[in-house]
Structure formats: structure tokens, C-alpha cells
Amino acid sequence: MEIINWIDKKYETIIREPQFKQYFHGYTPINMEGSNYLTNRALGIGLVMSEEFHITSIHLFSGKNMREKKFDGDIIYGLNFSMDRAQINKKFGIPQRHGGGMEVAPFGYFYCWDKYYFSHYSLHFKYVRDNSGIQLITIISLKIED
């Protein structure tokens, strides 16, 4: 099963998947304020689950920060972290939502981001500061979208 197909699935359903075992063997979800989190920083992947343990989002990290390593698995649609913002916009068109690219005191710089909606999930891209690559890809269930 492709990672993207984990969206909206129950945790207990996917834990038997070979790909899940590859990324999360030996890891246990952590509950914080009504959500459950499972992150393998060494492999650059994280899951957010509802209180009922349904997968609500999947984070694929580029390794461009100091906390998580780069996700080296297959990314949907032939994406890779070296793609710049213009390439993403060319591939998917004008994003349905976008923002960032500004300094906001006292918080600092907010990186540019784009969001594209599909049948049961959205793709959220957070770019590096100069938009020359992707810092984070998040696949989000439309059941929790605002």
C-alpha cells in the first residue's frame, strides 16, 4: 500500500503493512492533547493520528533542518525535495491556497507554502527560504481540513 493510502486509515489496519514496518518498527505512538503522533526522525517521516487513531496527516521531511533526516522513500507523483516552487506550480497549477514569504515579528520568517486539494487529501508544500527546494511535504486528510 502506498503511503498516501494510509490517510484516513486506522492505525491498527496499517501496522501490518511491510512499508509501515520499514518506517516505524519498534516505534510507539505518543498521545498529546487528543492527538497521537508517531515520528521516525532518522528516516524523515511522521504521522499524526486522531484520538481514535485514524491517520490524519503524513509528514515527509527533506532533512533541511537539524531535527529530522531526509525521507528517502518514494514520494507520490514523482516528487523530490530538490524541486523548486516554480516546478511544483508547473506540475500542479496554481495552488488553491498559499502563503508565507514574510518576516513576522516577533516570530521570525514564515516560509512560503502552497496547498493543492485532491479527492480525499491535500498536499501542502513548505519551501526553503529562497523557494529553491522543498523543506516539508505534508499529506492531509480532507476530513480535518479547515
N, C-alpha and C. Protein backbone atom coordinates (compact mmCIF):
# COMPACT_ATOMS: atom_id res chain seq x y z
N MET A 1 0.85 -1.18 0.00
CA MET A 1 0.00 0.00 0.00
C MET A 1 0.89 1.24 0.00
N GLU A 2 0.62 2.17 -0.89
CA GLU A 2 1.37 3.43 -0.91
C GLU A 2 1.11 4.22 0.35
N ILE A 3 2.09 4.98 0.76
CA ILE A 3 1.96 5.80 1.97
C ILE A 3 0.73 6.69 1.90
N ILE A 4 0.46 7.28 0.76
CA ILE A 4 -0.68 8.20 0.65
C ILE A 4 -2.00 7.50 0.97
N ASN A 5 -2.06 6.19 0.76
CA ASN A 5 -3.27 5.44 1.06
C ASN A 5 -3.47 5.20 2.55
N TRP A 6 -2.49 5.58 3.37
CA TRP A 6 -2.66 5.49 4.81
C TRP A 6 -3.61 6.56 5.33
N ILE A 7 -3.80 7.63 4.59
CA ILE A 7 -4.68 8.71 5.04
C ILE A 7 -6.08 8.17 5.33
N ASP A 8 -6.61 8.51 6.47
CA ASP A 8 -7.94 8.13 6.97
C ASP A 8 -8.03 6.66 7.39
N LYS A 9 -6.95 5.90 7.25
CA LYS A 9 -6.98 4.50 7.69
C LYS A 9 -6.71 4.46 9.19
N LYS A 10 -7.21 3.42 9.80
CA LYS A 10 -6.98 3.19 11.23
C LYS A 10 -5.57 2.63 11.43
N TYR A 11 -4.89 3.11 12.44
CA TYR A 11 -3.53 2.69 12.78
C TYR A 11 -3.41 1.17 12.81
N GLU A 12 -4.35 0.51 13.46
CA GLU A 12 -4.27 -0.96 13.60
C GLU A 12 -4.38 -1.68 12.25
N THR A 13 -4.91 -0.99 11.23
CA THR A 13 -5.02 -1.57 9.89
C THR A 13 -3.69 -1.53 9.15
N ILE A 14 -2.93 -0.48 9.35
CA ILE A 14 -1.70 -0.32 8.56
C ILE A 14 -0.44 -0.86 9.23
N ILE A 15 -0.50 -1.19 10.51
CA ILE A 15 0.72 -1.63 11.20
C ILE A 15 1.26 -2.95 10.66
N ARG A 16 0.45 -3.70 9.95
CA ARG A 16 0.91 -4.96 9.37
C ARG A 16 1.52 -4.78 7.98
N GLU A 17 1.39 -3.59 7.43
CA GLU A 17 1.93 -3.31 6.09
C GLU A 17 3.46 -3.34 6.13
N PRO A 18 4.09 -3.99 5.14
CA PRO A 18 5.56 -4.03 5.12
C PRO A 18 6.20 -2.64 5.13
N GLN A 19 5.61 -1.71 4.40
CA GLN A 19 6.17 -0.36 4.35
C GLN A 19 6.07 0.32 5.72
N PHE A 20 4.97 0.11 6.43
CA PHE A 20 4.82 0.67 7.77
C PHE A 20 5.91 0.10 8.68
N LYS A 21 6.10 -1.21 8.62
CA LYS A 21 7.12 -1.84 9.45
C LYS A 21 8.51 -1.30 9.11
N GLN A 22 8.75 -1.04 7.83
CA GLN A 22 10.03 -0.49 7.39
C GLN A 22 10.31 0.85 8.06
N TYR A 23 9.29 1.69 8.19
CA TYR A 23 9.48 3.04 8.73
C TYR A 23 9.29 3.15 10.24
N PHE A 24 8.46 2.29 10.82
CA PHE A 24 8.10 2.51 12.23
C PHE A 24 8.27 1.30 13.14
N HIS A 25 8.99 0.28 12.69
CA HIS A 25 9.21 -0.89 13.55
C HIS A 25 9.85 -0.46 14.87
N GLY A 26 9.23 -0.85 15.96
CA GLY A 26 9.76 -0.52 17.28
C GLY A 26 9.32 0.83 17.83
N TYR A 27 8.56 1.60 17.05
CA TYR A 27 8.09 2.90 17.50
C TYR A 27 6.66 2.78 18.03
N THR A 28 6.35 3.60 19.03
CA THR A 28 5.02 3.61 19.65
C THR A 28 4.45 5.01 19.58
N PRO A 29 3.16 5.13 19.22
CA PRO A 29 2.54 6.47 19.17
C PRO A 29 2.57 7.15 20.54
N ILE A 30 2.69 8.46 20.49
CA ILE A 30 2.66 9.29 21.70
C ILE A 30 1.40 10.14 21.65
N ASN A 31 0.64 10.15 22.74
CA ASN A 31 -0.59 10.94 22.81
C ASN A 31 -0.29 12.29 23.45
N MET A 32 -0.71 13.36 22.74
CA MET A 32 -0.58 14.71 23.28
C MET A 32 -1.83 15.49 22.92
N GLU A 33 -2.54 15.91 23.93
CA GLU A 33 -3.71 16.78 23.77
C GLU A 33 -4.71 16.28 22.73
N GLY A 34 -5.05 14.99 22.80
CA GLY A 34 -6.10 14.45 21.96
C GLY A 34 -5.67 13.95 20.60
N SER A 35 -4.40 14.09 20.26
CA SER A 35 -3.88 13.55 19.00
C SER A 35 -2.76 12.58 19.32
N ASN A 36 -2.50 11.68 18.40
CA ASN A 36 -1.44 10.70 18.56
C ASN A 36 -0.39 10.93 17.48
N TYR A 37 0.87 10.87 17.87
CA TYR A 37 1.98 11.18 16.98
C TYR A 37 2.95 10.00 16.92
N LEU A 38 3.44 9.73 15.72
CA LEU A 38 4.42 8.69 15.51
C LEU A 38 5.44 9.26 14.53
N THR A 39 6.68 9.46 15.00
CA THR A 39 7.70 10.09 14.16
C THR A 39 8.99 9.29 14.22
N ASN A 40 9.53 9.03 13.05
CA ASN A 40 10.85 8.42 12.95
C ASN A 40 11.75 9.49 12.34
N ARG A 41 12.40 10.25 13.19
CA ARG A 41 13.27 11.34 12.73
C ARG A 41 14.44 10.84 11.89
N ALA A 42 14.93 9.65 12.21
CA ALA A 42 16.07 9.09 11.48
C ALA A 42 15.72 8.76 10.03
N LEU A 43 14.44 8.47 9.76
CA LEU A 43 14.01 8.15 8.40
C LEU A 43 13.18 9.28 7.77
N GLY A 44 12.97 10.37 8.50
CA GLY A 44 12.32 11.55 7.93
C GLY A 44 10.85 11.42 7.65
N ILE A 45 10.12 10.70 8.50
CA ILE A 45 8.69 10.52 8.29
C ILE A 45 7.95 10.60 9.62
N GLY A 46 6.76 11.20 9.59
CA GLY A 46 5.95 11.29 10.79
C GLY A 46 4.47 11.18 10.46
N LEU A 47 3.72 10.65 11.40
CA LEU A 47 2.27 10.52 11.26
C LEU A 47 1.59 11.28 12.38
N VAL A 48 0.44 11.87 12.05
CA VAL A 48 -0.44 12.45 13.06
C VAL A 48 -1.74 11.67 12.96
N MET A 49 -2.25 11.26 14.12
CA MET A 49 -3.47 10.47 14.17
C MET A 49 -4.48 11.13 15.10
N SER A 50 -5.74 10.87 14.81
CA SER A 50 -6.81 11.37 15.67
C SER A 50 -6.79 10.62 17.00
N GLU A 51 -7.64 11.04 17.89
CA GLU A 51 -7.77 10.37 19.18
C GLU A 51 -8.17 8.91 19.00
N GLU A 52 -8.90 8.64 17.91
CA GLU A 52 -9.36 7.28 17.60
C GLU A 52 -8.33 6.53 16.75
N PHE A 53 -7.16 7.10 16.55
CA PHE A 53 -6.05 6.50 15.81
C PHE A 53 -6.30 6.37 14.31
N HIS A 54 -7.03 7.31 13.72
CA HIS A 54 -7.12 7.40 12.27
C HIS A 54 -5.99 8.32 11.79
N ILE A 55 -5.30 7.92 10.71
CA ILE A 55 -4.19 8.72 10.19
C ILE A 55 -4.78 9.99 9.57
N THR A 56 -4.42 11.16 10.10
CA THR A 56 -4.94 12.43 9.60
C THR A 56 -3.92 13.20 8.77
N SER A 57 -2.63 12.96 9.00
CA SER A 57 -1.62 13.59 8.16
C SER A 57 -0.32 12.81 8.21
N ILE A 58 0.43 12.96 7.12
CA ILE A 58 1.73 12.31 6.96
C ILE A 58 2.74 13.39 6.61
N HIS A 59 3.82 13.46 7.36
CA HIS A 59 4.88 14.43 7.12
C HIS A 59 6.09 13.73 6.52
N LEU A 60 6.56 14.26 5.41
CA LEU A 60 7.78 13.77 4.76
C LEU A 60 8.81 14.89 4.83
N PHE A 61 9.88 14.65 5.57
CA PHE A 61 10.88 15.68 5.83
C PHE A 61 12.03 15.63 4.83
N SER A 62 12.53 16.79 4.48
CA SER A 62 13.61 16.91 3.49
C SER A 62 15.00 16.77 4.09
N GLY A 63 15.10 16.83 5.41
CA GLY A 63 16.40 16.79 6.06
C GLY A 63 17.09 18.14 6.06
N LYS A 64 16.37 19.19 5.68
CA LYS A 64 16.98 20.53 5.60
C LYS A 64 16.90 21.29 6.92
N ASN A 65 16.54 20.59 7.98
CA ASN A 65 16.66 21.20 9.30
C ASN A 65 17.47 20.25 10.17
N MET A 66 17.71 20.60 11.39
CA MET A 66 18.62 19.82 12.22
C MET A 66 17.94 18.67 12.96
N ARG A 67 16.62 18.59 12.92
CA ARG A 67 15.93 17.59 13.74
C ARG A 67 15.66 16.28 13.00
N GLU A 68 15.19 16.36 11.76
CA GLU A 68 14.81 15.16 11.03
C GLU A 68 15.76 14.94 9.85
N LYS A 69 16.00 13.69 9.57
CA LYS A 69 16.79 13.33 8.39
C LYS A 69 15.88 13.38 7.16
N LYS A 70 16.45 13.20 6.00
CA LYS A 70 15.69 13.23 4.75
C LYS A 70 14.92 11.92 4.56
N PHE A 71 13.66 12.05 4.15
CA PHE A 71 12.86 10.89 3.79
C PHE A 71 13.37 10.40 2.44
N ASP A 72 13.82 9.15 2.38
CA ASP A 72 14.41 8.61 1.16
C ASP A 72 13.50 7.64 0.42
N GLY A 73 12.25 7.51 0.89
CA GLY A 73 11.32 6.62 0.20
C GLY A 73 10.73 7.28 -1.03
N ASP A 74 9.91 6.53 -1.73
CA ASP A 74 9.22 7.08 -2.90
C ASP A 74 8.17 8.09 -2.46
N ILE A 75 8.16 9.23 -3.14
CA ILE A 75 7.17 10.27 -2.87
C ILE A 75 6.20 10.27 -4.04
N ILE A 76 4.94 10.47 -3.75
CA ILE A 76 3.91 10.43 -4.79
C ILE A 76 4.16 11.42 -5.90
N TYR A 77 3.58 11.13 -7.06
CA TYR A 77 3.63 12.00 -8.24
C TYR A 77 5.05 12.28 -8.73
N GLY A 78 6.00 11.43 -8.36
CA GLY A 78 7.38 11.64 -8.80
C GLY A 78 8.04 12.85 -8.18
N LEU A 79 7.55 13.30 -7.04
CA LEU A 79 8.11 14.47 -6.38
C LEU A 79 9.46 14.16 -5.76
N ASN A 80 10.28 15.20 -5.64
CA ASN A 80 11.51 15.09 -4.86
C ASN A 80 11.78 16.45 -4.22
N PHE A 81 12.56 16.44 -3.16
CA PHE A 81 12.78 17.64 -2.36
C PHE A 81 13.60 18.71 -3.07
N SER A 82 14.27 18.36 -4.16
CA SER A 82 15.06 19.36 -4.88
C SER A 82 14.20 20.18 -5.85
N MET A 83 12.94 19.81 -6.01
CA MET A 83 12.06 20.59 -6.89
C MET A 83 11.81 21.97 -6.28
N ASP A 84 11.89 23.01 -7.10
CA ASP A 84 11.64 24.36 -6.59
C ASP A 84 10.15 24.70 -6.71
N ARG A 85 9.80 25.84 -6.18
CA ARG A 85 8.39 26.24 -6.16
C ARG A 85 7.82 26.36 -7.57
N ALA A 86 8.59 26.89 -8.50
CA ALA A 86 8.12 27.03 -9.88
C ALA A 86 7.82 25.66 -10.49
N GLN A 87 8.64 24.67 -10.20
CA GLN A 87 8.41 23.32 -10.73
C GLN A 87 7.13 22.71 -10.14
N ILE A 88 6.90 22.93 -8.86
CA ILE A 88 5.67 22.42 -8.22
C ILE A 88 4.46 23.10 -8.84
N ASN A 89 4.54 24.42 -9.00
CA ASN A 89 3.41 25.16 -9.60
C ASN A 89 3.17 24.73 -11.04
N LYS A 90 4.22 24.43 -11.77
CA LYS A 90 4.06 23.95 -13.15
C LYS A 90 3.40 22.57 -13.17
N LYS A 91 3.79 21.72 -12.23
CA LYS A 91 3.27 20.35 -12.17
C LYS A 91 1.79 20.32 -11.76
N PHE A 92 1.41 21.15 -10.77
CA PHE A 92 0.06 21.09 -10.20
C PHE A 92 -0.81 22.29 -10.54
N GLY A 93 -0.24 23.31 -11.13
CA GLY A 93 -1.01 24.51 -11.46
C GLY A 93 -0.98 25.52 -10.32
N ILE A 94 -1.89 26.46 -10.40
CA ILE A 94 -1.99 27.50 -9.37
C ILE A 94 -2.51 26.85 -8.09
N PRO A 95 -1.81 27.04 -6.96
CA PRO A 95 -2.26 26.41 -5.72
C PRO A 95 -3.59 27.00 -5.25
N GLN A 96 -4.41 26.14 -4.65
CA GLN A 96 -5.69 26.61 -4.11
C GLN A 96 -5.49 27.51 -2.89
N ARG A 97 -4.41 27.29 -2.15
CA ARG A 97 -4.05 28.16 -1.03
C ARG A 97 -2.55 28.32 -1.03
N HIS A 98 -2.09 29.46 -0.54
CA HIS A 98 -0.65 29.71 -0.44
C HIS A 98 -0.42 30.81 0.58
N GLY A 99 0.82 30.95 1.00
CA GLY A 99 1.12 32.00 1.97
C GLY A 99 2.60 32.02 2.29
N GLY A 100 2.92 32.78 3.33
CA GLY A 100 4.30 32.89 3.80
C GLY A 100 5.12 33.86 2.98
N GLY A 101 6.43 33.73 3.13
CA GLY A 101 7.35 34.59 2.42
C GLY A 101 7.52 35.95 3.06
N MET A 102 7.38 36.00 4.39
CA MET A 102 7.49 37.30 5.05
C MET A 102 8.02 37.15 6.47
N GLU A 103 8.59 38.21 6.94
CA GLU A 103 9.07 38.31 8.31
C GLU A 103 7.92 38.79 9.17
N VAL A 104 7.67 38.09 10.28
CA VAL A 104 6.58 38.48 11.18
C VAL A 104 7.17 38.56 12.59
N ALA A 105 7.28 39.79 13.11
CA ALA A 105 7.80 39.99 14.46
C ALA A 105 6.74 39.56 15.46
N PRO A 106 7.07 38.94 16.52
CA PRO A 106 8.38 38.52 16.99
C PRO A 106 8.73 37.09 16.58
N PHE A 107 7.98 36.49 15.67
CA PHE A 107 8.12 35.07 15.36
C PHE A 107 9.24 34.74 14.38
N GLY A 108 9.62 35.68 13.54
CA GLY A 108 10.66 35.43 12.55
C GLY A 108 10.09 35.25 11.16
N TYR A 109 10.84 34.57 10.33
CA TYR A 109 10.47 34.41 8.93
C TYR A 109 9.49 33.25 8.76
N PHE A 110 8.41 33.50 8.01
CA PHE A 110 7.44 32.47 7.65
C PHE A 110 7.75 32.03 6.21
N TYR A 111 8.13 30.79 6.05
CA TYR A 111 8.49 30.26 4.74
C TYR A 111 7.27 30.18 3.83
N CYS A 112 7.50 30.33 2.52
CA CYS A 112 6.41 30.20 1.54
C CYS A 112 5.86 28.78 1.55
N TRP A 113 4.59 28.68 1.31
CA TRP A 113 3.95 27.38 1.22
C TRP A 113 2.82 27.42 0.18
N ASP A 114 2.52 26.26 -0.37
CA ASP A 114 1.43 26.08 -1.32
C ASP A 114 0.64 24.86 -0.91
N LYS A 115 -0.67 24.89 -1.19
CA LYS A 115 -1.52 23.75 -0.89
C LYS A 115 -2.39 23.44 -2.10
N TYR A 116 -2.47 22.14 -2.40
CA TYR A 116 -3.28 21.63 -3.51
C TYR A 116 -4.25 20.59 -2.97
N TYR A 117 -5.48 20.63 -3.44
CA TYR A 117 -6.51 19.71 -2.98
C TYR A 117 -6.78 18.62 -4.00
N PHE A 118 -6.95 17.40 -3.51
CA PHE A 118 -7.27 16.24 -4.32
C PHE A 118 -8.53 15.60 -3.76
N SER A 119 -8.90 14.42 -4.23
CA SER A 119 -10.18 13.81 -3.87
C SER A 119 -10.39 13.60 -2.36
N HIS A 120 -9.42 13.07 -1.64
CA HIS A 120 -9.62 12.86 -0.19
C HIS A 120 -8.43 13.33 0.66
N TYR A 121 -7.54 14.09 0.05
CA TYR A 121 -6.40 14.62 0.79
C TYR A 121 -5.94 15.92 0.12
N SER A 122 -5.10 16.65 0.84
CA SER A 122 -4.42 17.81 0.25
C SER A 122 -2.93 17.57 0.36
N LEU A 123 -2.19 18.25 -0.51
CA LEU A 123 -0.73 18.25 -0.44
C LEU A 123 -0.29 19.66 -0.06
N HIS A 124 0.48 19.75 0.99
CA HIS A 124 0.98 21.03 1.48
C HIS A 124 2.50 21.01 1.33
N PHE A 125 3.03 21.99 0.61
CA PHE A 125 4.47 22.11 0.39
C PHE A 125 4.98 23.31 1.16
N LYS A 126 5.97 23.10 2.00
CA LYS A 126 6.68 24.20 2.66
C LYS A 126 8.05 24.26 2.01
N TYR A 127 8.39 25.42 1.47
CA TYR A 127 9.63 25.58 0.71
C TYR A 127 10.76 26.10 1.59
N VAL A 128 11.99 25.95 1.11
CA VAL A 128 13.13 26.58 1.78
C VAL A 128 13.02 28.08 1.54
N ARG A 129 13.80 28.84 2.26
CA ARG A 129 13.64 30.29 2.27
C ARG A 129 13.66 30.93 0.88
N ASP A 130 14.53 30.48 -0.03
CA ASP A 130 14.59 31.10 -1.36
C ASP A 130 13.73 30.36 -2.40
N ASN A 131 12.89 29.44 -1.95
CA ASN A 131 11.97 28.67 -2.80
C ASN A 131 12.67 27.75 -3.78
N SER A 132 13.95 27.45 -3.55
CA SER A 132 14.72 26.63 -4.48
C SER A 132 14.59 25.13 -4.21
N GLY A 133 13.80 24.76 -3.23
CA GLY A 133 13.58 23.36 -2.88
C GLY A 133 12.46 23.24 -1.87
N ILE A 134 12.11 22.02 -1.56
CA ILE A 134 11.02 21.74 -0.62
C ILE A 134 11.61 21.36 0.73
N GLN A 135 11.11 21.97 1.77
CA GLN A 135 11.55 21.65 3.13
C GLN A 135 10.69 20.53 3.73
N LEU A 136 9.39 20.55 3.44
CA LEU A 136 8.46 19.60 4.05
C LEU A 136 7.28 19.38 3.12
N ILE A 137 6.88 18.12 2.98
CA ILE A 137 5.65 17.77 2.27
C ILE A 137 4.71 17.16 3.29
N THR A 138 3.49 17.68 3.37
CA THR A 138 2.50 17.12 4.28
C THR A 138 1.28 16.70 3.48
N ILE A 139 0.87 15.46 3.69
CA ILE A 139 -0.34 14.92 3.10
C ILE A 139 -1.40 14.98 4.20
N ILE A 140 -2.52 15.66 3.93
CA ILE A 140 -3.50 15.93 4.97
C ILE A 140 -4.88 15.41 4.56
N SER A 141 -5.54 14.73 5.47
CA SER A 141 -6.89 14.24 5.24
C SER A 141 -7.84 15.42 5.05
N LEU A 142 -8.72 15.34 4.07
CA LEU A 142 -9.72 16.41 3.89
C LEU A 142 -10.73 16.40 5.02
N LYS A 143 -10.81 15.33 5.78
CA LYS A 143 -11.74 15.28 6.92
C LYS A 143 -11.37 16.26 8.01
N ILE A 144 -10.11 16.70 8.04
CA ILE A 144 -9.71 17.66 9.07
C ILE A 144 -9.39 19.03 8.52
N GLU A 145 -9.50 19.20 7.19
CA GLU A 145 -9.18 20.49 6.58
C GLU A 145 -10.13 21.57 7.07
N ASP A 146 -9.60 22.77 7.14
CA ASP A 146 -10.41 23.92 7.57
C ASP A 146 -11.24 24.45 6.44
